[in-house]
Full PDB file with SEQRES, HELIX, SHEET, SSBOND, CRYST1, ORIGX, SCALE, CONECT and MASTER records, all heavy atoms in Angstrom:
SEQRES   1 A   37  LEU LEU PRO MET TRP ASP SER THR LEU LEU ALA TYR ASP          
SEQRES   2 A   37  ASP ARG SER ARG ILE ILE PRO GLU ALA HIS ARG SER HIS          
SEQRES   3 A   37  VAL ILE ARG ARG ASN GLY ASP CYS LEU ALA THR                  
HELIX    1 AA1 SER A    7  LEU A   10  1                                   4    
HELIX    2 AA2 ARG A   15  ARG A   17  5                                   3    
HELIX    3 AA3 GLU A   21  VAL A   27  1                                   7    
CRYST1    1.000    1.000    1.000  90.00  90.00  90.00 P 1           1          
ORIGX1      1.000000  0.000000  0.000000        0.00000                         
ORIGX2      0.000000  1.000000  0.000000        0.00000                         
ORIGX3      0.000000  0.000000  1.000000        0.00000                         
SCALE1      1.000000  0.000000  0.000000        0.00000                         
SCALE2      0.000000  1.000000  0.000000        0.00000                         
SCALE3      0.000000  0.000000  1.000000        0.00000                         
ATOM      1  N   LEU A   1       9.123 -47.072 -16.086  1.00  0.00           N  
ATOM      2  CA  LEU A   1       8.426 -45.861 -16.725  1.00  0.00           C  
ATOM      3  C   LEU A   1       7.148 -46.386 -17.409  1.00  0.00           C  
ATOM      4  O   LEU A   1       7.159 -46.767 -18.461  1.00  0.00           O  
ATOM      5  CB  LEU A   1       9.312 -45.122 -17.600  1.00  0.00           C  
ATOM      6  CG  LEU A   1      10.653 -44.782 -17.088  1.00  0.00           C  
ATOM      7  CD1 LEU A   1      11.597 -44.071 -18.173  1.00  0.00           C  
ATOM      8  CD2 LEU A   1      10.485 -43.783 -15.933  1.00  0.00           C  
ATOM      9  N   LEU A   2       5.977 -46.315 -16.644  1.00  0.00           N  
ATOM     10  CA  LEU A   2       4.767 -46.937 -17.080  1.00  0.00           C  
ATOM     11  C   LEU A   2       4.107 -45.905 -18.012  1.00  0.00           C  
ATOM     12  O   LEU A   2       4.191 -44.712 -17.888  1.00  0.00           O  
ATOM     13  CB  LEU A   2       3.871 -47.220 -16.002  1.00  0.00           C  
ATOM     14  CG  LEU A   2       4.352 -48.218 -14.953  1.00  0.00           C  
ATOM     15  CD1 LEU A   2       3.246 -48.605 -13.862  1.00  0.00           C  
ATOM     16  CD2 LEU A   2       4.799 -49.515 -15.611  1.00  0.00           C  
ATOM     17  N   PRO A   3       3.245 -46.416 -19.059  1.00  0.00           N  
ATOM     18  CA  PRO A   3       2.566 -45.656 -19.911  1.00  0.00           C  
ATOM     19  C   PRO A   3       1.336 -45.015 -19.219  1.00  0.00           C  
ATOM     20  O   PRO A   3       0.950 -45.235 -18.208  1.00  0.00           O  
ATOM     21  CB  PRO A   3       2.126 -46.543 -20.925  1.00  0.00           C  
ATOM     22  CG  PRO A   3       1.887 -47.850 -20.207  1.00  0.00           C  
ATOM     23  CD  PRO A   3       2.976 -47.873 -19.238  1.00  0.00           C  
ATOM     24  N   MET A   4       0.751 -44.041 -19.996  1.00  0.00           N  
ATOM     25  CA  MET A   4      -0.550 -43.488 -19.571  1.00  0.00           C  
ATOM     26  C   MET A   4      -1.557 -44.437 -19.418  1.00  0.00           C  
ATOM     27  O   MET A   4      -1.586 -45.544 -20.291  1.00  0.00           O  
ATOM     28  CB  MET A   4      -1.003 -42.362 -20.517  1.00  0.00           C  
ATOM     29  CG  MET A   4      -0.174 -41.187 -20.570  1.00  0.00           C  
ATOM     30  SD  MET A   4      -0.890 -39.873 -21.584  1.00  0.00           S  
ATOM     31  CE  MET A   4      -2.359 -39.324 -20.526  1.00  0.00           C  
ATOM     32  N   TRP A   5      -2.400 -44.546 -18.505  1.00  0.00           N  
ATOM     33  CA  TRP A   5      -3.489 -45.454 -18.151  1.00  0.00           C  
ATOM     34  C   TRP A   5      -3.005 -46.947 -18.102  1.00  0.00           C  
ATOM     35  O   TRP A   5      -3.634 -47.842 -18.357  1.00  0.00           O  
ATOM     36  CB  TRP A   5      -4.548 -45.418 -19.384  1.00  0.00           C  
ATOM     37  CG  TRP A   5      -5.320 -44.250 -19.348  1.00  0.00           C  
ATOM     38  CD1 TRP A   5      -6.344 -43.939 -18.454  1.00  0.00           C  
ATOM     39  CD2 TRP A   5      -5.260 -43.133 -20.289  1.00  0.00           C  
ATOM     40  NE1 TRP A   5      -7.004 -42.712 -18.816  1.00  0.00           N  
ATOM     41  CE2 TRP A   5      -6.305 -42.251 -19.966  1.00  0.00           C  
ATOM     42  CE3 TRP A   5      -4.486 -42.899 -21.321  1.00  0.00           C  
ATOM     43  CZ2 TRP A   5      -6.543 -41.069 -20.633  1.00  0.00           C  
ATOM     44  CZ3 TRP A   5      -4.598 -41.531 -22.039  1.00  0.00           C  
ATOM     45  CH2 TRP A   5      -5.735 -40.731 -21.696  1.00  0.00           C  
ATOM     46  N   ASP A   6      -1.707 -47.075 -17.435  1.00  0.00           N  
ATOM     47  CA  ASP A   6      -1.276 -48.371 -17.241  1.00  0.00           C  
ATOM     48  C   ASP A   6      -2.325 -49.111 -16.254  1.00  0.00           C  
ATOM     49  O   ASP A   6      -2.747 -48.497 -15.305  1.00  0.00           O  
ATOM     50  CB  ASP A   6       0.131 -48.431 -16.565  1.00  0.00           C  
ATOM     51  CG  ASP A   6       0.709 -49.905 -16.578  1.00  0.00           C  
ATOM     52  OD1 ASP A   6       0.409 -50.640 -15.665  1.00  0.00           O  
ATOM     53  OD2 ASP A   6       1.414 -50.142 -17.524  1.00  0.00           O  
ATOM     54  N   SER A   7      -2.578 -50.385 -16.570  1.00  0.00           N  
ATOM     55  CA  SER A   7      -3.638 -51.111 -15.918  1.00  0.00           C  
ATOM     56  C   SER A   7      -3.416 -51.255 -14.370  1.00  0.00           C  
ATOM     57  O   SER A   7      -4.309 -51.213 -13.592  1.00  0.00           O  
ATOM     58  CB  SER A   7      -3.912 -52.426 -16.490  1.00  0.00           C  
ATOM     59  OG  SER A   7      -4.516 -52.366 -17.853  1.00  0.00           O  
ATOM     60  N   THR A   8      -2.104 -51.326 -14.054  1.00  0.00           N  
ATOM     61  CA  THR A   8      -1.805 -51.488 -12.552  1.00  0.00           C  
ATOM     62  C   THR A   8      -2.318 -50.296 -11.790  1.00  0.00           C  
ATOM     63  O   THR A   8      -2.591 -50.396 -10.574  1.00  0.00           O  
ATOM     64  CB  THR A   8      -0.297 -51.596 -12.374  1.00  0.00           C  
ATOM     65  OG1 THR A   8       0.336 -50.544 -12.969  1.00  0.00           O  
ATOM     66  CG2 THR A   8       0.249 -52.907 -12.932  1.00  0.00           C  
ATOM     67  N   LEU A   9      -2.405 -49.033 -12.470  1.00  0.00           N  
ATOM     68  CA  LEU A   9      -2.862 -47.910 -11.754  1.00  0.00           C  
ATOM     69  C   LEU A   9      -4.382 -47.978 -11.589  1.00  0.00           C  
ATOM     70  O   LEU A   9      -4.826 -47.073 -10.767  1.00  0.00           O  
ATOM     71  CB  LEU A   9      -2.362 -46.651 -12.364  1.00  0.00           C  
ATOM     72  CG  LEU A   9      -0.877 -46.573 -12.809  1.00  0.00           C  
ATOM     73  CD1 LEU A   9      -0.547 -45.250 -13.485  1.00  0.00           C  
ATOM     74  CD2 LEU A   9      -0.059 -46.704 -11.568  1.00  0.00           C  
ATOM     75  N   LEU A  10      -5.051 -48.655 -12.268  1.00  0.00           N  
ATOM     76  CA  LEU A  10      -6.537 -48.580 -12.328  1.00  0.00           C  
ATOM     77  C   LEU A  10      -7.178 -49.789 -12.027  1.00  0.00           C  
ATOM     78  O   LEU A  10      -8.539 -49.874 -12.053  1.00  0.00           O  
ATOM     79  CB  LEU A  10      -6.882 -48.236 -13.847  1.00  0.00           C  
ATOM     80  CG  LEU A  10      -6.338 -46.974 -14.482  1.00  0.00           C  
ATOM     81  CD1 LEU A  10      -6.637 -46.865 -15.853  1.00  0.00           C  
ATOM     82  CD2 LEU A  10      -6.795 -45.685 -13.706  1.00  0.00           C  
ATOM     83  N   ALA A  11      -6.468 -50.755 -11.509  1.00  0.00           N  
ATOM     84  CA  ALA A  11      -7.164 -52.135 -11.366  1.00  0.00           C  
ATOM     85  C   ALA A  11      -7.590 -52.443  -9.848  1.00  0.00           C  
ATOM     86  O   ALA A  11      -8.169 -53.366  -9.654  1.00  0.00           O  
ATOM     87  CB  ALA A  11      -5.892 -53.274 -11.470  1.00  0.00           C  
ATOM     88  N   TYR A  12      -7.477 -51.313  -9.086  1.00  0.00           N  
ATOM     89  CA  TYR A  12      -7.865 -51.579  -7.630  1.00  0.00           C  
ATOM     90  C   TYR A  12      -8.752 -50.421  -7.112  1.00  0.00           C  
ATOM     91  O   TYR A  12      -8.652 -49.238  -7.563  1.00  0.00           O  
ATOM     92  CB  TYR A  12      -6.560 -51.575  -6.704  1.00  0.00           C  
ATOM     93  CG  TYR A  12      -5.632 -52.693  -7.071  1.00  0.00           C  
ATOM     94  CD1 TYR A  12      -4.489 -52.327  -7.799  1.00  0.00           C  
ATOM     95  CD2 TYR A  12      -5.825 -53.959  -6.737  1.00  0.00           C  
ATOM     96  CE1 TYR A  12      -3.631 -53.331  -8.226  1.00  0.00           C  
ATOM     97  CE2 TYR A  12      -5.014 -55.019  -7.042  1.00  0.00           C  
ATOM     98  CZ  TYR A  12      -3.836 -54.744  -7.785  1.00  0.00           C  
ATOM     99  OH  TYR A  12      -2.972 -55.676  -8.175  1.00  0.00           O  
ATOM    100  N   ASP A  13      -9.651 -50.866  -6.243  1.00  0.00           N  
ATOM    101  CA  ASP A  13     -10.534 -49.767  -5.540  1.00  0.00           C  
ATOM    102  C   ASP A  13      -9.605 -49.089  -4.513  1.00  0.00           C  
ATOM    103  O   ASP A  13      -9.719 -47.840  -4.446  1.00  0.00           O  
ATOM    104  CB  ASP A  13     -11.589 -50.587  -4.667  1.00  0.00           C  
ATOM    105  CG  ASP A  13     -12.477 -49.570  -4.056  1.00  0.00           C  
ATOM    106  OD1 ASP A  13     -13.070 -48.708  -4.624  1.00  0.00           O  
ATOM    107  OD2 ASP A  13     -12.516 -49.614  -2.769  1.00  0.00           O  
ATOM    108  N   ASP A  14      -8.647 -49.725  -3.888  1.00  0.00           N  
ATOM    109  CA  ASP A  14      -7.657 -49.081  -3.013  1.00  0.00           C  
ATOM    110  C   ASP A  14      -6.312 -48.974  -3.816  1.00  0.00           C  
ATOM    111  O   ASP A  14      -5.572 -49.923  -3.825  1.00  0.00           O  
ATOM    112  CB  ASP A  14      -7.427 -49.951  -1.722  1.00  0.00           C  
ATOM    113  CG  ASP A  14      -6.308 -49.331  -0.842  1.00  0.00           C  
ATOM    114  OD1 ASP A  14      -5.850 -48.236  -1.140  1.00  0.00           O  
ATOM    115  OD2 ASP A  14      -6.060 -49.995   0.182  1.00  0.00           O  
ATOM    116  N   ARG A  15      -6.189 -47.819  -4.519  1.00  0.00           N  
ATOM    117  CA  ARG A  15      -5.050 -47.586  -5.389  1.00  0.00           C  
ATOM    118  C   ARG A  15      -3.680 -47.283  -4.645  1.00  0.00           C  
ATOM    119  O   ARG A  15      -2.700 -47.199  -5.288  1.00  0.00           O  
ATOM    120  CB  ARG A  15      -5.315 -46.543  -6.419  1.00  0.00           C  
ATOM    121  CG  ARG A  15      -6.504 -46.995  -7.297  1.00  0.00           C  
ATOM    122  CD  ARG A  15      -6.961 -45.901  -8.242  1.00  0.00           C  
ATOM    123  NE  ARG A  15      -7.914 -46.476  -9.138  1.00  0.00           N  
ATOM    124  CZ  ARG A  15      -8.800 -45.809 -10.078  1.00  0.00           C  
ATOM    125  NH1 ARG A  15      -8.483 -44.477 -10.100  1.00  0.00           N  
ATOM    126  NH2 ARG A  15      -9.546 -46.322 -10.663  1.00  0.00           N  
ATOM    127  N   SER A  16      -3.720 -47.232  -3.220  1.00  0.00           N  
ATOM    128  CA  SER A  16      -2.522 -47.029  -2.534  1.00  0.00           C  
ATOM    129  C   SER A  16      -1.563 -48.230  -2.641  1.00  0.00           C  
ATOM    130  O   SER A  16      -0.444 -48.143  -2.231  1.00  0.00           O  
ATOM    131  CB  SER A  16      -2.912 -46.743  -1.035  1.00  0.00           C  
ATOM    132  OG  SER A  16      -3.463 -47.847  -0.439  1.00  0.00           O  
ATOM    133  N   ARG A  17      -2.222 -49.244  -3.066  1.00  0.00           N  
ATOM    134  CA  ARG A  17      -1.231 -50.497  -3.433  1.00  0.00           C  
ATOM    135  C   ARG A  17      -0.095 -50.088  -4.317  1.00  0.00           C  
ATOM    136  O   ARG A  17       1.046 -50.665  -4.189  1.00  0.00           O  
ATOM    137  CB  ARG A  17      -1.957 -51.567  -4.037  1.00  0.00           C  
ATOM    138  CG  ARG A  17      -1.163 -52.825  -4.282  1.00  0.00           C  
ATOM    139  CD  ARG A  17      -1.813 -53.895  -4.924  1.00  0.00           C  
ATOM    140  NE  ARG A  17      -2.848 -54.529  -4.127  1.00  0.00           N  
ATOM    141  CZ  ARG A  17      -3.298 -55.816  -4.287  1.00  0.00           C  
ATOM    142  NH1 ARG A  17      -2.681 -56.598  -5.068  1.00  0.00           N  
ATOM    143  NH2 ARG A  17      -4.310 -56.292  -3.488  1.00  0.00           N  
ATOM    144  N   ILE A  18      -0.274 -48.980  -5.137  1.00  0.00           N  
ATOM    145  CA  ILE A  18       0.753 -48.700  -6.070  1.00  0.00           C  
ATOM    146  C   ILE A  18       0.868 -47.112  -6.250  1.00  0.00           C  
ATOM    147  O   ILE A  18       2.062 -46.639  -6.567  1.00  0.00           O  
ATOM    148  CB  ILE A  18       0.627 -49.394  -7.509  1.00  0.00           C  
ATOM    149  CG1 ILE A  18       1.896 -49.265  -8.331  1.00  0.00           C  
ATOM    150  CG2 ILE A  18      -0.640 -48.803  -8.214  1.00  0.00           C  
ATOM    151  CD1 ILE A  18       1.983 -50.251  -9.487  1.00  0.00           C  
ATOM    152  N   ILE A  19      -0.153 -46.351  -5.907  1.00  0.00           N  
ATOM    153  CA  ILE A  19      -0.083 -44.913  -5.969  1.00  0.00           C  
ATOM    154  C   ILE A  19      -0.324 -44.429  -4.542  1.00  0.00           C  
ATOM    155  O   ILE A  19      -1.460 -44.574  -4.024  1.00  0.00           O  
ATOM    156  CB  ILE A  19      -1.219 -44.316  -6.844  1.00  0.00           C  
ATOM    157  CG1 ILE A  19      -1.287 -44.975  -8.227  1.00  0.00           C  
ATOM    158  CG2 ILE A  19      -1.037 -42.826  -7.000  1.00  0.00           C  
ATOM    159  CD1 ILE A  19      -2.396 -44.432  -9.202  1.00  0.00           C  
ATOM    160  N   PRO A  20       0.758 -43.753  -3.973  1.00  0.00           N  
ATOM    161  CA  PRO A  20       0.527 -43.113  -2.679  1.00  0.00           C  
ATOM    162  C   PRO A  20      -0.659 -42.153  -2.831  1.00  0.00           C  
ATOM    163  O   PRO A  20      -0.788 -41.430  -3.655  1.00  0.00           O  
ATOM    164  CB  PRO A  20       1.936 -42.484  -2.309  1.00  0.00           C  
ATOM    165  CG  PRO A  20       2.832 -43.307  -3.096  1.00  0.00           C  
ATOM    166  CD  PRO A  20       2.085 -43.707  -4.478  1.00  0.00           C  
ATOM    167  N   GLU A  21      -1.473 -42.063  -1.712  1.00  0.00           N  
ATOM    168  CA  GLU A  21      -2.607 -41.243  -1.792  1.00  0.00           C  
ATOM    169  C   GLU A  21      -2.310 -39.839  -2.162  1.00  0.00           C  
ATOM    170  O   GLU A  21      -3.025 -39.065  -2.757  1.00  0.00           O  
ATOM    171  CB  GLU A  21      -3.468 -41.326  -0.421  1.00  0.00           C  
ATOM    172  CG  GLU A  21      -4.825 -40.630  -0.490  1.00  0.00           C  
ATOM    173  CD  GLU A  21      -5.718 -41.217  -1.627  1.00  0.00           C  
ATOM    174  OE1 GLU A  21      -5.688 -42.301  -1.867  1.00  0.00           O  
ATOM    175  OE2 GLU A  21      -6.530 -40.392  -2.154  1.00  0.00           O  
ATOM    176  N   ALA A  22      -1.193 -39.325  -1.564  1.00  0.00           N  
ATOM    177  CA  ALA A  22      -0.717 -37.878  -1.658  1.00  0.00           C  
ATOM    178  C   ALA A  22      -0.524 -37.597  -3.209  1.00  0.00           C  
ATOM    179  O   ALA A  22      -0.588 -36.355  -3.618  1.00  0.00           O  
ATOM    180  CB  ALA A  22       0.479 -37.716  -0.876  1.00  0.00           C  
ATOM    181  N   HIS A  23      -0.258 -38.609  -3.991  1.00  0.00           N  
ATOM    182  CA  HIS A  23       0.005 -38.397  -5.397  1.00  0.00           C  
ATOM    183  C   HIS A  23      -1.104 -38.671  -6.349  1.00  0.00           C  
ATOM    184  O   HIS A  23      -1.023 -38.358  -7.541  1.00  0.00           O  
ATOM    185  CB  HIS A  23       1.269 -39.321  -5.826  1.00  0.00           C  
ATOM    186  CG  HIS A  23       2.439 -39.206  -5.097  1.00  0.00           C  
ATOM    187  ND1 HIS A  23       2.757 -37.950  -4.324  1.00  0.00           N  
ATOM    188  CD2 HIS A  23       3.472 -39.924  -4.735  1.00  0.00           C  
ATOM    189  CE1 HIS A  23       3.967 -38.169  -3.641  1.00  0.00           C  
ATOM    190  NE2 HIS A  23       4.357 -39.469  -3.940  1.00  0.00           N  
ATOM    191  N   ARG A  24      -2.190 -39.132  -5.840  1.00  0.00           N  
ATOM    192  CA  ARG A  24      -3.283 -39.567  -6.795  1.00  0.00           C  
ATOM    193  C   ARG A  24      -3.876 -38.484  -7.513  1.00  0.00           C  
ATOM    194  O   ARG A  24      -4.040 -38.726  -8.816  1.00  0.00           O  
ATOM    195  CB  ARG A  24      -4.357 -40.213  -5.862  1.00  0.00           C  
ATOM    196  CG  ARG A  24      -5.570 -40.884  -6.691  1.00  0.00           C  
ATOM    197  CD  ARG A  24      -6.415 -41.664  -5.819  1.00  0.00           C  
ATOM    198  NE  ARG A  24      -7.598 -42.033  -6.533  1.00  0.00           N  
ATOM    199  CZ  ARG A  24      -8.347 -43.018  -6.083  1.00  0.00           C  
ATOM    200  NH1 ARG A  24      -8.133 -43.778  -5.049  1.00  0.00           N  
ATOM    201  NH2 ARG A  24      -9.489 -43.294  -6.843  1.00  0.00           N  
ATOM    202  N   SER A  25      -4.088 -37.376  -7.008  1.00  0.00           N  
ATOM    203  CA  SER A  25      -4.659 -36.278  -7.815  1.00  0.00           C  
ATOM    204  C   SER A  25      -3.835 -35.707  -8.816  1.00  0.00           C  
ATOM    205  O   SER A  25      -4.183 -35.251  -9.937  1.00  0.00           O  
ATOM    206  CB  SER A  25      -5.168 -35.105  -6.873  1.00  0.00           C  
ATOM    207  OG  SER A  25      -4.026 -34.663  -6.222  1.00  0.00           O  
ATOM    208  N   HIS A  26      -2.417 -35.851  -8.658  1.00  0.00           N  
ATOM    209  CA  HIS A  26      -1.485 -35.450  -9.692  1.00  0.00           C  
ATOM    210  C   HIS A  26      -1.527 -36.494 -10.788  1.00  0.00           C  
ATOM    211  O   HIS A  26      -1.305 -36.074 -11.995  1.00  0.00           O  
ATOM    212  CB  HIS A  26      -0.049 -35.251  -9.061  1.00  0.00           C  
ATOM    213  CG  HIS A  26       0.097 -34.271  -8.087  1.00  0.00           C  
ATOM    214  ND1 HIS A  26      -0.330 -32.995  -8.307  1.00  0.00           N  
ATOM    215  CD2 HIS A  26       0.576 -34.194  -6.877  1.00  0.00           C  
ATOM    216  CE1 HIS A  26       0.009 -32.234  -7.209  1.00  0.00           C  
ATOM    217  NE2 HIS A  26       0.514 -32.997  -6.333  1.00  0.00           N  
ATOM    218  N   VAL A  27      -1.698 -37.704 -10.473  1.00  0.00           N  
ATOM    219  CA  VAL A  27      -1.473 -38.851 -11.553  1.00  0.00           C  
ATOM    220  C   VAL A  27      -2.800 -38.994 -12.306  1.00  0.00           C  
ATOM    221  O   VAL A  27      -2.775 -39.203 -13.614  1.00  0.00           O  
ATOM    222  CB  VAL A  27      -1.055 -40.124 -10.888  1.00  0.00           C  
ATOM    223  CG1 VAL A  27      -1.104 -41.337 -11.807  1.00  0.00           C  
ATOM    224  CG2 VAL A  27       0.383 -40.016 -10.337  1.00  0.00           C  
ATOM    225  N   ILE A  28      -3.901 -39.031 -11.580  1.00  0.00           N  
ATOM    226  CA  ILE A  28      -5.176 -39.291 -12.182  1.00  0.00           C  
ATOM    227  C   ILE A  28      -5.970 -37.979 -12.083  1.00  0.00           C  
ATOM    228  O   ILE A  28      -6.427 -37.547 -11.179  1.00  0.00           O  
ATOM    229  CB  ILE A  28      -5.957 -40.426 -11.442  1.00  0.00           C  
ATOM    230  CG1 ILE A  28      -5.163 -41.810 -11.399  1.00  0.00           C  
ATOM    231  CG2 ILE A  28      -7.255 -40.694 -12.094  1.00  0.00           C  
ATOM    232  CD1 ILE A  28      -5.662 -42.883 -10.732  1.00  0.00           C  
ATOM    233  N   ARG A  29      -6.208 -37.407 -13.303  1.00  0.00           N  
ATOM    234  CA  ARG A  29      -6.736 -36.057 -13.443  1.00  0.00           C  
ATOM    235  C   ARG A  29      -8.314 -36.143 -13.326  1.00  0.00           C  
ATOM    236  O   ARG A  29      -8.891 -37.249 -13.494  1.00  0.00           O  
ATOM    237  CB  ARG A  29      -6.368 -35.353 -14.688  1.00  0.00           C  
ATOM    238  CG  ARG A  29      -4.865 -35.438 -14.940  1.00  0.00           C  
ATOM    239  CD  ARG A  29      -3.957 -34.887 -13.749  1.00  0.00           C  
ATOM    240  NE  ARG A  29      -4.232 -33.528 -13.517  1.00  0.00           N  
ATOM    241  CZ  ARG A  29      -3.533 -32.754 -12.683  1.00  0.00           C  
ATOM    242  NH1 ARG A  29      -2.438 -33.313 -12.159  1.00  0.00           N  
ATOM    243  NH2 ARG A  29      -3.871 -31.550 -12.331  1.00  0.00           N  
ATOM    244  N   ARG A  30      -8.962 -35.041 -13.064  1.00  0.00           N  
ATOM    245  CA  ARG A  30     -10.385 -35.099 -12.893  1.00  0.00           C  
ATOM    246  C   ARG A  30     -11.098 -35.626 -14.081  1.00  0.00           C  
ATOM    247  O   ARG A  30     -12.202 -36.153 -13.985  1.00  0.00           O  
ATOM    248  CB  ARG A  30     -10.817 -33.817 -12.432  1.00  0.00           C  
ATOM    249  CG  ARG A  30     -10.473 -33.371 -11.097  1.00  0.00           C  
ATOM    250  CD  ARG A  30     -11.039 -31.850 -10.627  1.00  0.00           C  
ATOM    251  NE  ARG A  30     -10.742 -31.596  -9.318  1.00  0.00           N  
ATOM    252  CZ  ARG A  30     -11.196 -30.509  -8.667  1.00  0.00           C  
ATOM    253  NH1 ARG A  30     -11.992 -29.520  -9.384  1.00  0.00           N  
ATOM    254  NH2 ARG A  30     -10.910 -30.206  -7.422  1.00  0.00           N  
ATOM    255  N   ASN A  31     -10.688 -35.385 -15.294  1.00  0.00           N  
ATOM    256  CA  ASN A  31     -11.306 -35.794 -16.500  1.00  0.00           C  
ATOM    257  C   ASN A  31     -11.057 -37.279 -16.824  1.00  0.00           C  
ATOM    258  O   ASN A  31     -11.591 -37.731 -17.798  1.00  0.00           O  
ATOM    259  CB  ASN A  31     -10.996 -34.900 -17.707  1.00  0.00           C  
ATOM    260  CG  ASN A  31      -9.509 -35.143 -18.092  1.00  0.00           C  
ATOM    261  OD1 ASN A  31      -8.726 -35.716 -17.452  1.00  0.00           O  
ATOM    262  ND2 ASN A  31      -9.272 -34.747 -19.402  1.00  0.00           N  
ATOM    263  N   GLY A  32     -10.200 -37.992 -15.974  1.00  0.00           N  
ATOM    264  CA  GLY A  32      -9.953 -39.396 -16.264  1.00  0.00           C  
ATOM    265  C   GLY A  32      -8.547 -39.564 -16.886  1.00  0.00           C  
ATOM    266  O   GLY A  32      -8.217 -40.770 -16.858  1.00  0.00           O  
ATOM    267  N   ASP A  33      -7.939 -38.627 -17.350  1.00  0.00           N  
ATOM    268  CA  ASP A  33      -6.614 -38.776 -17.865  1.00  0.00           C  
ATOM    269  C   ASP A  33      -5.752 -39.382 -16.753  1.00  0.00           C  
ATOM    270  O   ASP A  33      -5.710 -38.828 -15.575  1.00  0.00           O  
ATOM    271  CB  ASP A  33      -5.962 -37.442 -18.339  1.00  0.00           C  
ATOM    272  CG  ASP A  33      -6.573 -37.034 -19.712  1.00  0.00           C  
ATOM    273  OD1 ASP A  33      -7.340 -37.844 -20.302  1.00  0.00           O  
ATOM    274  OD2 ASP A  33      -6.313 -35.923 -20.201  1.00  0.00           O  
ATOM    275  N   CYS A  34      -4.868 -40.310 -17.042  1.00  0.00           N  
ATOM    276  CA  CYS A  34      -4.005 -40.966 -16.124  1.00  0.00           C  
ATOM    277  C   CYS A  34      -2.628 -40.796 -16.661  1.00  0.00           C  
ATOM    278  O   CYS A  34      -2.254 -41.454 -17.736  1.00  0.00           O  
ATOM    279  CB  CYS A  34      -4.370 -42.391 -15.973  1.00  0.00           C  
ATOM    280  SG  CYS A  34      -3.359 -43.397 -14.762  1.00  0.00           S  
ATOM    281  N   LEU A  35      -1.698 -39.985 -16.012  1.00  0.00           N  
ATOM    282  CA  LEU A  35      -0.506 -39.684 -16.598  1.00  0.00           C  
ATOM    283  C   LEU A  35       0.564 -40.790 -16.585  1.00  0.00           C  
ATOM    284  O   LEU A  35       0.395 -41.780 -15.862  1.00  0.00           O  
ATOM    285  CB  LEU A  35       0.142 -38.518 -15.850  1.00  0.00           C  
ATOM    286  CG  LEU A  35      -0.692 -37.205 -15.733  1.00  0.00           C  
ATOM    287  CD1 LEU A  35       0.085 -36.070 -15.159  1.00  0.00           C  
ATOM    288  CD2 LEU A  35      -1.227 -36.919 -17.224  1.00  0.00           C  
ATOM    289  N   ALA A  36       1.516 -40.696 -17.481  1.00  0.00           N  
ATOM    290  CA  ALA A  36       2.619 -41.735 -17.505  1.00  0.00           C  
ATOM    291  C   ALA A  36       3.386 -41.563 -16.242  1.00  0.00           C  
ATOM    292  O   ALA A  36       3.853 -40.483 -15.859  1.00  0.00           O  
ATOM    293  CB  ALA A  36       3.498 -41.467 -18.745  1.00  0.00           C  
ATOM    294  N   THR A  37       3.736 -42.735 -15.607  1.00  0.00           N  
ATOM    295  CA  THR A  37       4.311 -42.590 -14.193  1.00  0.00           C  
ATOM    296  C   THR A  37       5.591 -43.249 -14.093  1.00  0.00           C  
ATOM    297  O   THR A  37       6.022 -44.101 -14.934  1.00  0.00           O  
ATOM    298  CB  THR A  37       3.310 -43.279 -13.217  1.00  0.00           C  
ATOM    299  OG1 THR A  37       3.010 -44.584 -13.619  1.00  0.00           O  
ATOM    300  CG2 THR A  37       1.997 -42.487 -13.013  1.00  0.00           C  
TER     301      THR A  37                                                      
MASTER        0    0    0    3    0    0    0    6  300    1    0    3          
END                                                                             
């Protein structure tokens, strides 16, 4: 249960290494908020 803005979610240009593309818009909001996952 990772926290908001966990670095693993933000460390890559290709975030599909850990965030499936279908879920990206739910997890990383347009204003930059990154939800707890």
